[in-house]
Amino acid sequence: MKETVSKVKVEKLTKLPVSNERPLQELFATLYEVLYDGDKKKFNWDQFKNKALKHEDGEDFIFRLVNVNFKELRNEYYDDLLILKADPEFDNACVNSQYSADILDLADWVEYVCVGHQFAKEHKQCQKEYEKIRRDIDKRSKGSLKLSQKFWEDASE
C-alpha cells in the first residue's frame, strides 16, 4: 500500500476538475468519508482541497491513505468503496480520461482496501468457524472419554 500511495501526486490532485466531473466528485467524497469520517452529502471540494491536499502539501491525506485500517473499516464505508469501484464512469475516468494518470493510484488504493477488507472478513469468519468446530470436538471428546473410562471400569469388574 505504501508503494501505491507514494505514487500519488497531491499537487496534481489539487488541479483536477472535481466539481465538474461526477466520477471525481464521487472519488473524493468517498475518500472524505473513509479517511476523515465526513458526511459524503456535505462534501465540498474546495474545502477538502484546501484542508486535506494543500495544507502541509497533503501530508495528512497521504498519512491517512497509508494507514487506513481495512480490517476495521466500517461496512458502510466498504459498501461505498465497492459502489465507487463498480461505477463504469469511475472506471472510464481511470482508464480513458485526461486525468487518468493522476487518479489511477487512488483507484488502486480503493481496490487494495476493498480486497483487504474482504479478506479480513473472510479470515474472521474462518476463525469463528474454526472455534465452533474446536468447541464441538472438545464437547464430543469429553463424552467419548467418559464412555471409554466407563468401558474400562466395567471391563475390570
Protein backbone atom coordinates (compact mmCIF):
# COMPACT_ATOMS: atom_id res chain seq x y z
CA MET A 1 0.00 0.00 0.00
CA LYS A 2 2.83 2.39 0.83
CA GLU A 3 4.26 1.92 -2.65
CA THR A 4 0.92 2.73 -4.29
CA VAL A 5 0.31 5.76 -2.11
CA SER A 6 3.85 7.02 -2.61
CA LYS A 7 3.00 7.47 -6.30
CA VAL A 8 0.08 9.81 -5.52
CA LYS A 9 0.94 13.35 -6.60
CA VAL A 10 -1.04 15.59 -4.29
CA GLU A 11 -0.17 18.73 -6.24
CA LYS A 12 -1.73 17.25 -9.39
CA LEU A 13 -4.83 16.22 -7.45
CA THR A 14 -5.43 19.84 -6.44
CA LYS A 15 -5.70 20.79 -10.12
CA LEU A 16 -8.34 18.21 -11.06
CA PRO A 17 -11.77 19.47 -12.22
CA VAL A 18 -13.51 17.65 -9.38
CA SER A 19 -16.52 19.97 -9.18
CA ASN A 20 -17.28 19.41 -12.88
CA GLU A 21 -16.75 15.65 -13.08
CA ARG A 22 -19.12 13.26 -11.26
CA PRO A 23 -16.63 10.34 -11.07
CA LEU A 24 -14.02 12.60 -9.48
CA GLN A 25 -16.60 14.08 -7.14
CA GLU A 26 -17.55 10.55 -6.04
CA LEU A 27 -13.93 9.52 -5.58
CA PHE A 28 -13.03 12.43 -3.35
CA ALA A 29 -16.34 12.43 -1.47
CA THR A 30 -15.76 8.76 -0.69
CA LEU A 31 -12.19 9.45 0.41
CA TYR A 32 -13.51 12.27 2.59
CA GLU A 33 -15.95 9.85 4.17
CA VAL A 34 -13.49 6.97 4.67
CA LEU A 35 -10.40 8.91 5.70
CA TYR A 36 -11.96 11.78 7.64
CA ASP A 37 -15.24 10.23 8.78
CA GLY A 38 -17.04 13.00 6.91
CA ASP A 39 -20.55 13.08 5.53
CA LYS A 40 -20.41 12.46 1.77
CA LYS A 41 -23.53 14.54 1.25
CA LYS A 42 -21.79 17.55 2.76
CA PHE A 43 -18.58 17.11 0.76
CA ASN A 44 -17.17 20.36 -0.57
CA TRP A 45 -14.28 20.03 -2.99
CA ASP A 46 -12.78 23.47 -2.35
CA GLN A 47 -12.72 22.93 1.41
CA PHE A 48 -11.36 19.42 1.04
CA LYS A 49 -8.70 20.57 -1.39
CA ASN A 50 -7.56 23.37 0.92
CA LYS A 51 -7.65 21.39 4.17
CA ALA A 52 -6.59 17.92 3.07
CA LEU A 53 -4.48 18.42 -0.05
CA LYS A 54 -2.92 21.88 0.11
CA HIS A 55 -2.33 22.10 3.85
CA GLU A 56 1.24 20.93 4.54
CA ASP A 57 1.40 19.55 1.00
CA GLY A 58 -1.20 16.91 1.77
CA GLU A 59 0.93 15.08 4.35
CA ASP A 60 -2.10 14.24 6.50
CA PHE A 61 -4.02 12.98 3.45
CA ILE A 62 -1.14 10.71 2.42
CA PHE A 63 -0.66 9.54 6.02
CA ARG A 64 -4.33 8.58 6.22
CA LEU A 65 -4.20 6.73 2.90
CA VAL A 66 -1.18 4.72 4.02
CA ASN A 67 -2.56 3.96 7.46
CA VAL A 68 -6.16 3.11 6.72
CA ASN A 69 -7.17 0.04 8.70
CA PHE A 70 -9.17 -2.00 6.20
CA LYS A 71 -9.71 -4.73 8.81
CA GLU A 72 -11.70 -2.32 10.97
CA LEU A 73 -13.32 -0.41 8.10
CA ARG A 74 -16.98 0.28 8.73
CA ASN A 75 -19.24 -1.76 6.47
CA GLU A 76 -20.97 1.34 5.08
CA TYR A 77 -17.58 2.73 4.01
CA TYR A 78 -16.68 -0.59 2.44
CA ASP A 79 -20.01 -0.58 0.58
CA ASP A 80 -19.36 2.94 -0.72
CA LEU A 81 -15.90 1.92 -1.91
CA LEU A 82 -17.41 -1.09 -3.70
CA ILE A 83 -20.01 1.14 -5.36
CA LEU A 84 -17.27 3.51 -6.48
CA LYS A 85 -15.14 0.63 -7.75
CA ALA A 86 -18.07 -0.80 -9.73
CA ASP A 87 -19.09 2.55 -11.24
CA PRO A 88 -18.48 2.41 -15.03
CA GLU A 89 -17.98 6.19 -15.17
CA PHE A 90 -15.30 5.98 -12.50
CA ASP A 91 -13.66 3.09 -14.33
CA ASN A 92 -13.72 5.07 -17.56
CA ALA A 93 -12.25 8.12 -15.80
CA CYS A 94 -9.39 5.94 -14.51
CA VAL A 95 -8.62 4.49 -17.91
CA ASN A 96 -9.67 6.89 -20.63
CA SER A 97 -9.69 10.42 -19.26
CA GLN A 98 -7.15 13.21 -19.50
CA TYR A 99 -6.56 12.90 -15.75
CA SER A 100 -6.43 9.10 -15.54
CA ALA A 101 -2.71 9.14 -14.71
CA ASP A 102 -3.43 11.43 -11.76
CA ILE A 103 -6.12 9.25 -10.19
CA LEU A 104 -5.02 5.74 -11.13
CA ASP A 105 -3.05 5.27 -7.91
CA LEU A 106 -6.09 6.33 -5.89
CA ALA A 107 -8.14 3.78 -7.83
CA ASP A 108 -5.50 1.17 -6.95
CA TRP A 109 -5.83 2.23 -3.30
CA VAL A 110 -9.61 1.72 -3.49
CA GLU A 111 -9.06 -1.76 -4.94
CA TYR A 112 -6.47 -2.62 -2.29
CA VAL A 113 -8.73 -1.52 0.57
CA CYS A 114 -11.72 -3.42 -0.83
CA VAL A 115 -9.75 -6.64 -1.33
CA GLY A 116 -8.05 -6.30 2.05
CA HIS A 117 -11.35 -5.72 3.82
CA GLN A 118 -12.93 -8.72 2.10
CA PHE A 119 -10.00 -10.97 3.05
CA ALA A 120 -10.17 -9.71 6.64
CA LYS A 121 -13.90 -10.52 6.79
CA GLU A 122 -13.31 -13.99 5.36
CA HIS A 123 -10.44 -14.58 7.79
CA LYS A 124 -12.60 -13.53 10.73
CA GLN A 125 -15.37 -15.86 9.53
CA CYS A 126 -12.90 -18.75 9.20
CA GLN A 127 -11.70 -18.10 12.74
CA LYS A 128 -15.29 -18.24 14.01
CA GLU A 129 -15.92 -21.48 12.14
CA TYR A 130 -12.70 -22.97 13.48
CA GLU A 131 -13.62 -22.05 17.06
CA LYS A 132 -17.06 -23.57 16.59
CA ILE A 133 -15.54 -26.81 15.30
CA ARG A 134 -13.00 -26.81 18.14
CA ARG A 135 -15.76 -26.44 20.75
CA ASP A 136 -17.75 -29.20 19.09
CA ILE A 137 -14.74 -31.55 19.06
CA ASP A 138 -13.97 -30.76 22.70
CA LYS A 139 -17.59 -31.39 23.63
CA ARG A 140 -17.65 -34.72 21.79
CA SER A 141 -14.28 -35.88 23.08
CA LYS A 142 -15.33 -35.27 26.70
CA GLY A 143 -18.34 -37.53 26.21
CA SER A 144 -16.22 -40.10 24.43
CA LEU A 145 -13.64 -40.02 27.21
CA LYS A 146 -16.34 -40.70 29.82
CA LEU A 147 -17.65 -43.64 27.77
CA SER A 148 -14.14 -45.01 27.40
CA GLN A 149 -13.50 -44.74 31.14
CA LYS A 150 -16.83 -46.40 31.91
CA PHE A 151 -15.99 -49.23 29.49
CA TRP A 152 -12.66 -49.88 31.21
CA GLU A 153 -14.23 -49.70 34.66
CA ASP A 154 -16.95 -52.14 33.65
CA ALA A 155 -14.43 -54.45 31.96
CA SER A 156 -12.24 -54.59 35.06
CA GLU A 157 -15.06 -55.80 37.31
